[in-house]
Amino acid sequence: MSWALLITLVLGTVVKLLTAPPNIVVVWLTERYAMHQKLKSEEVTITFDQKELTGQEKEDFIQSFNEAAFLVRNPIFKGFEDEVLNPDTDIVPYVIDVNKKGKHSTLSVYYAEDRVNVVKQRNKKVISYSLNSEELSNTTLKGQAACSKHMQLV
C-alpha cells in the first residue's frame, strides 16, 4: 500500500513539473533560445567603420540594444544569405562580435527606414530581424552621419 502511494506521489510530482515548470526554468529556456539575446559588455566587441567602441559609448550602445523591442523576423531565402550579409548599400553597420561560452556569432546592426535591422550570423546560419528602439535609431543615425562626413572629406 505504501509503495503505491509513493509511486503515485512521484509520478504526480513529475507530471506537475512537466506541465507547469518553475519560473526559473522557463526564463532560462526562453533566454537560451531567444533570437534577440541580451548582450553583456565583457562578451562583446563592437566596431563601427573599423574603429572599436570603448568605455561609455560601448555601454550606451549595449544598453540601447538590450532595451530594443523585437519587431519581426525578416525572411531570408536559400541562396540569398550573402546578399543579406553584404548588402549593396552605402550604410556602414555596427558590427558586434559576440563570444559567449565558446560560441562565436557576429551581429550587423544598421538603420533602415523606420527601424533598426540586425543580421545575425553563427557558423553558416544567417538570421535577420528588425528592432524598434528610438535610442538605437538615433545612435546608428549619428554614426552614419559621422561616417558620411568622413567619406566626403577623403
N, C-alpha and C. Protein backbone atom coordinates (compact mmCIF):
# COMPACT_ATOMS: atom_id res chain seq x y z
N MET A 1 0.83 -1.19 0.00
CA MET A 1 0.00 0.00 0.00
C MET A 1 0.87 1.25 0.00
N SER A 2 1.93 1.26 0.80
CA SER A 2 2.79 2.44 0.88
C SER A 2 3.58 2.63 -0.42
N TRP A 3 3.91 1.52 -1.15
CA TRP A 3 4.60 1.65 -2.43
C TRP A 3 3.69 2.29 -3.47
N ALA A 4 2.46 1.94 -3.46
CA ALA A 4 1.51 2.51 -4.40
C ALA A 4 1.35 4.02 -4.16
N LEU A 5 1.29 4.41 -2.91
CA LEU A 5 1.20 5.82 -2.56
C LEU A 5 2.47 6.57 -2.96
N LEU A 6 3.62 5.98 -2.72
CA LEU A 6 4.91 6.60 -3.06
C LEU A 6 5.04 6.77 -4.58
N ILE A 7 4.70 5.74 -5.34
CA ILE A 7 4.77 5.83 -6.79
C ILE A 7 3.80 6.87 -7.32
N THR A 8 2.62 6.94 -6.76
CA THR A 8 1.63 7.94 -7.16
C THR A 8 2.14 9.35 -6.88
N LEU A 9 2.76 9.57 -5.74
CA LEU A 9 3.31 10.89 -5.41
C LEU A 9 4.45 11.27 -6.35
N VAL A 10 5.34 10.32 -6.64
CA VAL A 10 6.47 10.61 -7.54
C VAL A 10 5.96 10.92 -8.94
N LEU A 11 5.07 10.11 -9.48
CA LEU A 11 4.51 10.35 -10.80
C LEU A 11 3.72 11.66 -10.85
N GLY A 12 2.98 11.95 -9.80
CA GLY A 12 2.24 13.20 -9.73
C GLY A 12 3.16 14.41 -9.73
N THR A 13 4.27 14.32 -9.01
CA THR A 13 5.24 15.41 -8.97
C THR A 13 5.89 15.61 -10.34
N VAL A 14 6.26 14.52 -11.00
CA VAL A 14 6.87 14.62 -12.33
C VAL A 14 5.89 15.24 -13.32
N VAL A 15 4.65 14.80 -13.32
CA VAL A 15 3.65 15.35 -14.22
C VAL A 15 3.43 16.84 -13.94
N LYS A 16 3.39 17.21 -12.69
CA LYS A 16 3.20 18.61 -12.30
C LYS A 16 4.36 19.48 -12.79
N LEU A 17 5.61 18.98 -12.64
CA LEU A 17 6.78 19.75 -13.09
C LEU A 17 6.82 19.87 -14.62
N LEU A 18 6.39 18.84 -15.32
CA LEU A 18 6.40 18.90 -16.78
C LEU A 18 5.30 19.80 -17.33
N THR A 19 4.15 19.82 -16.70
CA THR A 19 3.05 20.64 -17.21
C THR A 19 3.12 22.09 -16.77
N ALA A 20 3.74 22.36 -15.63
CA ALA A 20 3.88 23.73 -15.14
C ALA A 20 5.25 23.87 -14.48
N PRO A 21 6.31 24.05 -15.31
CA PRO A 21 7.66 24.13 -14.74
C PRO A 21 7.85 25.41 -13.92
N PRO A 22 8.83 25.39 -13.02
CA PRO A 22 9.11 26.58 -12.22
C PRO A 22 9.53 27.76 -13.12
N ASN A 23 9.32 28.95 -12.66
CA ASN A 23 9.59 30.16 -13.41
C ASN A 23 11.05 30.25 -13.86
N ILE A 24 11.97 29.84 -13.01
CA ILE A 24 13.39 29.94 -13.35
C ILE A 24 13.74 29.07 -14.55
N VAL A 25 13.09 27.93 -14.70
CA VAL A 25 13.33 27.05 -15.84
C VAL A 25 12.79 27.69 -17.11
N VAL A 26 11.62 28.28 -17.04
CA VAL A 26 11.02 28.92 -18.20
C VAL A 26 11.88 30.10 -18.67
N VAL A 27 12.34 30.91 -17.74
CA VAL A 27 13.19 32.06 -18.08
C VAL A 27 14.49 31.59 -18.71
N TRP A 28 15.10 30.56 -18.15
CA TRP A 28 16.35 30.03 -18.68
C TRP A 28 16.17 29.54 -20.12
N LEU A 29 15.09 28.80 -20.37
CA LEU A 29 14.84 28.27 -21.71
C LEU A 29 14.56 29.38 -22.72
N THR A 30 13.75 30.36 -22.34
CA THR A 30 13.42 31.43 -23.28
C THR A 30 14.64 32.32 -23.57
N GLU A 31 15.48 32.57 -22.59
CA GLU A 31 16.69 33.36 -22.82
C GLU A 31 17.70 32.59 -23.67
N ARG A 32 17.78 31.31 -23.45
CA ARG A 32 18.75 30.50 -24.19
C ARG A 32 18.43 30.43 -25.67
N TYR A 33 17.17 30.31 -26.02
CA TYR A 33 16.78 30.15 -27.41
C TYR A 33 16.15 31.40 -28.02
N ALA A 34 16.31 32.54 -27.38
CA ALA A 34 15.75 33.78 -27.92
C ALA A 34 16.54 34.24 -29.14
N MET A 35 15.85 34.80 -30.11
CA MET A 35 16.52 35.31 -31.30
C MET A 35 17.30 36.59 -30.95
N HIS A 36 16.66 37.49 -30.20
CA HIS A 36 17.29 38.75 -29.80
C HIS A 36 17.77 38.60 -28.36
N GLN A 37 19.01 38.12 -28.21
CA GLN A 37 19.56 37.86 -26.88
C GLN A 37 20.18 39.13 -26.30
N LYS A 38 20.17 39.20 -24.99
CA LYS A 38 20.77 40.32 -24.28
C LYS A 38 22.29 40.18 -24.31
N LEU A 39 22.96 41.30 -24.48
CA LEU A 39 24.42 41.31 -24.56
C LEU A 39 25.03 41.77 -23.24
N LYS A 40 26.22 41.27 -22.95
CA LYS A 40 26.99 41.71 -21.80
C LYS A 40 28.28 42.33 -22.31
N SER A 41 28.73 43.39 -21.66
CA SER A 41 29.87 44.16 -22.12
C SER A 41 31.14 43.33 -22.25
N GLU A 42 31.36 42.41 -21.31
CA GLU A 42 32.59 41.63 -21.33
C GLU A 42 32.60 40.54 -22.40
N GLU A 43 31.45 40.25 -23.00
CA GLU A 43 31.35 39.20 -24.01
C GLU A 43 31.38 39.73 -25.44
N VAL A 44 31.35 41.04 -25.63
CA VAL A 44 31.22 41.59 -26.97
C VAL A 44 32.33 42.58 -27.31
N THR A 45 32.57 42.69 -28.61
CA THR A 45 33.44 43.71 -29.18
C THR A 45 32.62 44.41 -30.26
N ILE A 46 32.50 45.73 -30.16
CA ILE A 46 31.68 46.49 -31.10
C ILE A 46 32.60 47.38 -31.94
N THR A 47 32.44 47.29 -33.26
CA THR A 47 33.22 48.14 -34.15
C THR A 47 32.28 48.88 -35.09
N PHE A 48 32.70 50.08 -35.44
CA PHE A 48 31.97 50.88 -36.42
C PHE A 48 32.99 51.56 -37.31
N ASP A 49 32.92 51.30 -38.59
CA ASP A 49 33.84 51.88 -39.57
C ASP A 49 35.29 51.58 -39.18
N GLN A 50 35.56 50.34 -38.84
CA GLN A 50 36.87 49.81 -38.48
C GLN A 50 37.43 50.37 -37.16
N LYS A 51 36.59 51.07 -36.37
CA LYS A 51 37.03 51.61 -35.09
C LYS A 51 36.25 50.92 -33.98
N GLU A 52 36.95 50.48 -32.95
CA GLU A 52 36.30 49.78 -31.84
C GLU A 52 35.71 50.77 -30.85
N LEU A 53 34.47 50.52 -30.45
CA LEU A 53 33.83 51.34 -29.43
C LEU A 53 34.33 50.89 -28.06
N THR A 54 34.59 51.85 -27.20
CA THR A 54 35.05 51.52 -25.85
C THR A 54 34.36 52.42 -24.84
N GLY A 55 34.50 52.05 -23.59
CA GLY A 55 34.03 52.87 -22.49
C GLY A 55 32.53 53.11 -22.49
N GLN A 56 32.17 54.36 -22.22
CA GLN A 56 30.77 54.74 -22.07
C GLN A 56 29.99 54.58 -23.37
N GLU A 57 30.64 54.87 -24.49
CA GLU A 57 29.98 54.74 -25.79
C GLU A 57 29.55 53.27 -26.02
N LYS A 58 30.42 52.33 -25.68
CA LYS A 58 30.10 50.90 -25.81
C LYS A 58 28.97 50.51 -24.87
N GLU A 59 29.04 50.97 -23.63
CA GLU A 59 28.00 50.65 -22.64
C GLU A 59 26.63 51.20 -23.07
N ASP A 60 26.61 52.43 -23.59
CA ASP A 60 25.36 53.03 -24.05
C ASP A 60 24.76 52.25 -25.22
N PHE A 61 25.63 51.84 -26.15
CA PHE A 61 25.14 51.07 -27.30
C PHE A 61 24.56 49.73 -26.85
N ILE A 62 25.25 49.04 -25.95
CA ILE A 62 24.77 47.75 -25.44
C ILE A 62 23.45 47.92 -24.70
N GLN A 63 23.34 48.96 -23.89
CA GLN A 63 22.11 49.20 -23.15
C GLN A 63 20.96 49.48 -24.13
N SER A 64 21.19 50.29 -25.15
CA SER A 64 20.15 50.57 -26.14
C SER A 64 19.76 49.30 -26.89
N PHE A 65 20.73 48.47 -27.23
CA PHE A 65 20.46 47.22 -27.94
C PHE A 65 19.64 46.27 -27.08
N ASN A 66 20.00 46.16 -25.80
CA ASN A 66 19.28 45.25 -24.91
C ASN A 66 17.85 45.70 -24.65
N GLU A 67 17.60 47.00 -24.63
CA GLU A 67 16.27 47.53 -24.36
C GLU A 67 15.38 47.59 -25.60
N ALA A 68 15.96 47.35 -26.77
CA ALA A 68 15.19 47.43 -28.01
C ALA A 68 14.14 46.33 -28.06
N ALA A 69 13.01 46.67 -28.64
CA ALA A 69 11.88 45.73 -28.75
C ALA A 69 11.97 44.98 -30.07
N PHE A 70 11.82 43.67 -30.00
CA PHE A 70 11.83 42.82 -31.18
C PHE A 70 10.55 43.07 -31.98
N LEU A 71 10.69 43.35 -33.29
CA LEU A 71 9.53 43.60 -34.13
C LEU A 71 9.14 42.37 -34.94
N VAL A 72 10.02 41.97 -35.85
CA VAL A 72 9.66 40.90 -36.78
C VAL A 72 10.94 40.24 -37.31
N ARG A 73 10.81 38.96 -37.61
CA ARG A 73 11.92 38.25 -38.25
C ARG A 73 11.77 38.46 -39.75
N ASN A 74 12.86 38.87 -40.39
CA ASN A 74 12.86 39.11 -41.83
C ASN A 74 13.19 37.82 -42.57
N PRO A 75 12.43 37.49 -43.60
CA PRO A 75 12.69 36.23 -44.32
C PRO A 75 13.96 36.30 -45.15
N ILE A 76 14.68 35.18 -45.15
CA ILE A 76 15.87 35.05 -45.98
C ILE A 76 15.67 33.77 -46.80
N PHE A 77 15.71 33.91 -48.10
CA PHE A 77 15.51 32.77 -48.98
C PHE A 77 16.84 32.07 -49.23
N LYS A 78 16.79 30.77 -49.41
CA LYS A 78 18.00 29.97 -49.66
C LYS A 78 18.73 30.53 -50.87
N GLY A 79 20.04 30.69 -50.71
CA GLY A 79 20.87 31.21 -51.78
C GLY A 79 21.09 32.70 -51.72
N PHE A 80 20.30 33.42 -50.91
CA PHE A 80 20.42 34.87 -50.82
C PHE A 80 21.08 35.32 -49.51
N GLU A 81 21.69 34.39 -48.77
CA GLU A 81 22.30 34.72 -47.49
C GLU A 81 23.43 35.74 -47.66
N ASP A 82 24.22 35.60 -48.74
CA ASP A 82 25.34 36.52 -48.95
C ASP A 82 24.86 37.94 -49.21
N GLU A 83 23.73 38.09 -49.89
CA GLU A 83 23.19 39.43 -50.15
C GLU A 83 22.68 40.09 -48.87
N VAL A 84 22.21 39.30 -47.93
CA VAL A 84 21.76 39.84 -46.65
C VAL A 84 22.97 40.21 -45.79
N LEU A 85 24.02 39.37 -45.83
CA LEU A 85 25.22 39.64 -45.04
C LEU A 85 26.00 40.85 -45.58
N ASN A 86 26.07 40.97 -46.88
CA ASN A 86 26.82 42.06 -47.52
C ASN A 86 25.90 42.82 -48.47
N PRO A 87 24.99 43.65 -47.91
CA PRO A 87 24.06 44.36 -48.79
C PRO A 87 24.76 45.39 -49.65
N ASP A 88 24.23 45.64 -50.81
CA ASP A 88 24.77 46.62 -51.74
C ASP A 88 24.21 47.99 -51.39
N THR A 89 24.79 48.61 -50.35
CA THR A 89 24.28 49.88 -49.84
C THR A 89 25.42 50.71 -49.28
N ASP A 90 25.15 52.00 -49.06
CA ASP A 90 26.15 52.91 -48.51
C ASP A 90 26.20 52.84 -46.99
N ILE A 91 25.26 52.16 -46.38
CA ILE A 91 25.16 52.12 -44.92
C ILE A 91 26.29 51.28 -44.33
N VAL A 92 27.00 51.87 -43.37
CA VAL A 92 28.06 51.16 -42.66
C VAL A 92 27.45 50.63 -41.36
N PRO A 93 27.44 49.32 -41.17
CA PRO A 93 26.79 48.77 -39.98
C PRO A 93 27.71 48.79 -38.76
N TYR A 94 27.09 48.76 -37.59
CA TYR A 94 27.82 48.48 -36.36
C TYR A 94 27.99 46.96 -36.34
N VAL A 95 29.20 46.49 -36.14
CA VAL A 95 29.47 45.06 -36.13
C VAL A 95 29.77 44.65 -34.69
N ILE A 96 28.99 43.69 -34.19
CA ILE A 96 29.14 43.20 -32.82
C ILE A 96 29.63 41.76 -32.90
N ASP A 97 30.83 41.52 -32.38
CA ASP A 97 31.35 40.16 -32.29
C ASP A 97 31.07 39.65 -30.89
N VAL A 98 30.32 38.56 -30.80
CA VAL A 98 29.90 38.00 -29.52
C VAL A 98 30.61 36.67 -29.30
N ASN A 99 31.32 36.55 -28.19
CA ASN A 99 31.91 35.28 -27.78
C ASN A 99 31.27 34.89 -26.46
N LYS A 100 30.28 34.01 -26.57
CA LYS A 100 29.51 33.61 -25.39
C LYS A 100 29.68 32.12 -25.19
N LYS A 101 30.34 31.74 -24.10
CA LYS A 101 30.53 30.34 -23.74
C LYS A 101 31.15 29.53 -24.87
N GLY A 102 32.18 30.07 -25.49
CA GLY A 102 32.88 29.36 -26.54
C GLY A 102 32.21 29.39 -27.90
N LYS A 103 31.06 30.02 -28.03
CA LYS A 103 30.37 30.12 -29.31
C LYS A 103 30.51 31.54 -29.84
N HIS A 104 30.91 31.65 -31.09
CA HIS A 104 31.12 32.96 -31.71
C HIS A 104 29.98 33.26 -32.68
N SER A 105 29.46 34.48 -32.57
CA SER A 105 28.47 34.95 -33.54
C SER A 105 28.74 36.41 -33.84
N THR A 106 28.29 36.84 -35.02
CA THR A 106 28.50 38.21 -35.47
C THR A 106 27.15 38.84 -35.76
N LEU A 107 26.94 40.05 -35.22
CA LEU A 107 25.72 40.80 -35.46
C LEU A 107 26.08 42.07 -36.22
N SER A 108 25.33 42.36 -37.28
CA SER A 108 25.47 43.62 -38.00
C SER A 108 24.21 44.43 -37.74
N VAL A 109 24.38 45.63 -37.20
CA VAL A 109 23.26 46.47 -36.81
C VAL A 109 23.31 47.75 -37.63
N TYR A 110 22.21 48.02 -38.35
CA TYR A 110 22.16 49.25 -39.13
C TYR A 110 20.74 49.78 -39.21
N TYR A 111 20.64 51.07 -39.42
CA TYR A 111 19.35 51.74 -39.50
C TYR A 111 18.83 51.65 -40.93
N ALA A 112 17.57 51.25 -41.06
CA ALA A 112 16.94 51.17 -42.38
C ALA A 112 15.52 51.70 -42.26
N GLU A 113 15.28 52.84 -42.89
CA GLU A 113 13.97 53.49 -42.91
C GLU A 113 13.48 53.80 -41.50
N ASP A 114 12.48 53.07 -41.00
CA ASP A 114 11.88 53.41 -39.72
C ASP A 114 12.21 52.42 -38.62
N ARG A 115 13.18 51.56 -38.83
CA ARG A 115 13.53 50.57 -37.83
C ARG A 115 15.00 50.20 -37.93
N VAL A 116 15.47 49.46 -36.95
CA VAL A 116 16.85 49.02 -36.92
C VAL A 116 16.88 47.55 -37.33
N ASN A 117 17.67 47.23 -38.34
CA ASN A 117 17.80 45.86 -38.80
C ASN A 117 19.04 45.22 -38.20
N VAL A 118 18.91 43.95 -37.86
CA VAL A 118 20.01 43.18 -37.31
C VAL A 118 20.17 41.92 -38.15
N VAL A 119 21.40 41.64 -38.56
CA VAL A 119 21.71 40.41 -39.27
C VAL A 119 22.66 39.63 -38.38
N LYS A 120 22.23 38.44 -37.98
CA LYS A 120 22.99 37.61 -37.05
C LYS A 120 23.53 36.40 -37.80
N GLN A 121 24.85 36.17 -37.64
CA GLN A 121 25.47 35.02 -38.28
C GLN A 121 26.20 34.20 -37.24
N ARG A 122 25.85 32.92 -37.16
CA ARG A 122 26.56 31.97 -36.31
C ARG A 122 26.85 30.77 -37.18
N ASN A 123 28.15 30.46 -37.31
CA ASN A 123 28.60 29.43 -38.24
C ASN A 123 28.10 29.79 -39.63
N LYS A 124 27.33 28.94 -40.28
CA LYS A 124 26.80 29.26 -41.61
C LYS A 124 25.35 29.69 -41.58
N LYS A 125 24.75 29.75 -40.40
CA LYS A 125 23.34 30.11 -40.27
C LYS A 125 23.21 31.63 -40.18
N VAL A 126 22.31 32.18 -40.99
CA VAL A 126 22.09 33.62 -41.04
C VAL A 126 20.64 33.90 -40.67
N ILE A 127 20.43 34.85 -39.75
CA ILE A 127 19.10 35.26 -39.32
C ILE A 127 19.04 36.78 -39.41
N SER A 128 17.93 37.29 -39.90
CA SER A 128 17.72 38.73 -39.97
C SER A 128 16.43 39.07 -39.26
N TYR A 129 16.49 40.12 -38.44
CA TYR A 129 15.29 40.58 -37.75
C TYR A 129 15.36 42.08 -37.53
N SER A 130 14.21 42.66 -37.20
CA SER A 130 14.11 44.11 -37.02
C SER A 130 13.78 44.43 -35.57
N LEU A 131 14.30 45.58 -35.13
CA LEU A 131 14.08 46.07 -33.78
C LEU A 131 13.43 47.44 -33.83
N ASN A 132 12.73 47.78 -32.76
CA ASN A 132 12.16 49.11 -32.61
C ASN A 132 12.79 49.74 -31.39
N SER A 133 13.60 50.77 -31.60
CA SER A 133 14.24 51.45 -30.49
C SER A 133 14.62 52.86 -30.93
N GLU A 134 14.08 53.83 -30.25
CA GLU A 134 14.38 55.22 -30.56
C GLU A 134 15.85 55.54 -30.29
N GLU A 135 16.37 55.08 -29.15
CA GLU A 135 17.78 55.34 -28.80
C GLU A 135 18.72 54.69 -29.79
N LEU A 136 18.47 53.44 -30.15
CA LEU A 136 19.33 52.73 -31.08
C LEU A 136 19.26 53.36 -32.47
N SER A 137 18.09 53.82 -32.86
CA SER A 137 17.94 54.51 -34.15
C SER A 137 18.76 55.78 -34.17
N ASN A 138 18.69 56.56 -33.10
CA ASN A 138 19.47 57.80 -33.02
C ASN A 138 20.96 57.51 -33.04
N THR A 139 21.40 56.47 -32.34
CA THR A 139 22.82 56.12 -32.30
C THR A 139 23.31 55.72 -33.68
N THR A 140 22.56 54.87 -34.37
CA THR A 140 23.00 54.43 -35.69
C THR A 140 22.95 55.57 -36.71
N LEU A 141 21.98 56.46 -36.58
CA LEU A 141 21.92 57.61 -37.49
C LEU A 141 23.09 58.56 -37.26
N LYS A 142 23.47 58.80 -35.99
CA LYS A 142 24.62 59.65 -35.70
C LYS A 142 25.88 59.06 -36.28
N GLY A 143 26.01 57.74 -36.14
CA GLY A 143 27.18 57.05 -36.70
C GLY A 143 27.23 57.18 -38.21
N GLN A 144 26.09 57.05 -38.87
CA GLN A 144 26.04 57.16 -40.32
C GLN A 144 26.38 58.58 -40.76
N ALA A 145 25.89 59.58 -40.01
CA ALA A 145 26.19 60.97 -40.36
C ALA A 145 27.68 61.24 -40.21
N ALA A 146 28.29 60.75 -39.14
CA ALA A 146 29.72 60.95 -38.93
C ALA A 146 30.52 60.23 -40.01
N CYS A 147 30.08 59.06 -40.40
CA CYS A 147 30.77 58.28 -41.41
C CYS A 147 30.69 58.97 -42.77
N SER A 148 29.51 59.51 -43.11
CA SER A 148 29.36 60.17 -44.40
C SER A 148 30.18 61.46 -44.46
N LYS A 149 30.29 62.19 -43.34
CA LYS A 149 31.13 63.39 -43.30
C LYS A 149 32.58 63.00 -43.52
N HIS A 150 33.01 61.89 -42.90
CA HIS A 150 34.39 61.42 -43.04
C HIS A 150 34.65 61.03 -44.50
N MET A 151 33.68 60.37 -45.16
CA MET A 151 33.84 59.95 -46.54
C MET A 151 33.92 61.16 -47.48
N GLN A 152 33.17 62.23 -47.16
CA GLN A 152 33.18 63.41 -48.02
C GLN A 152 34.52 64.14 -47.91
N LEU A 153 35.16 64.06 -46.74
CA LEU A 153 36.43 64.73 -46.54
C LEU A 153 37.56 64.00 -47.25
N VAL A 154 37.42 62.72 -47.44
CA VAL A 154 38.50 61.93 -48.06
C VAL A 154 38.48 62.00 -49.54
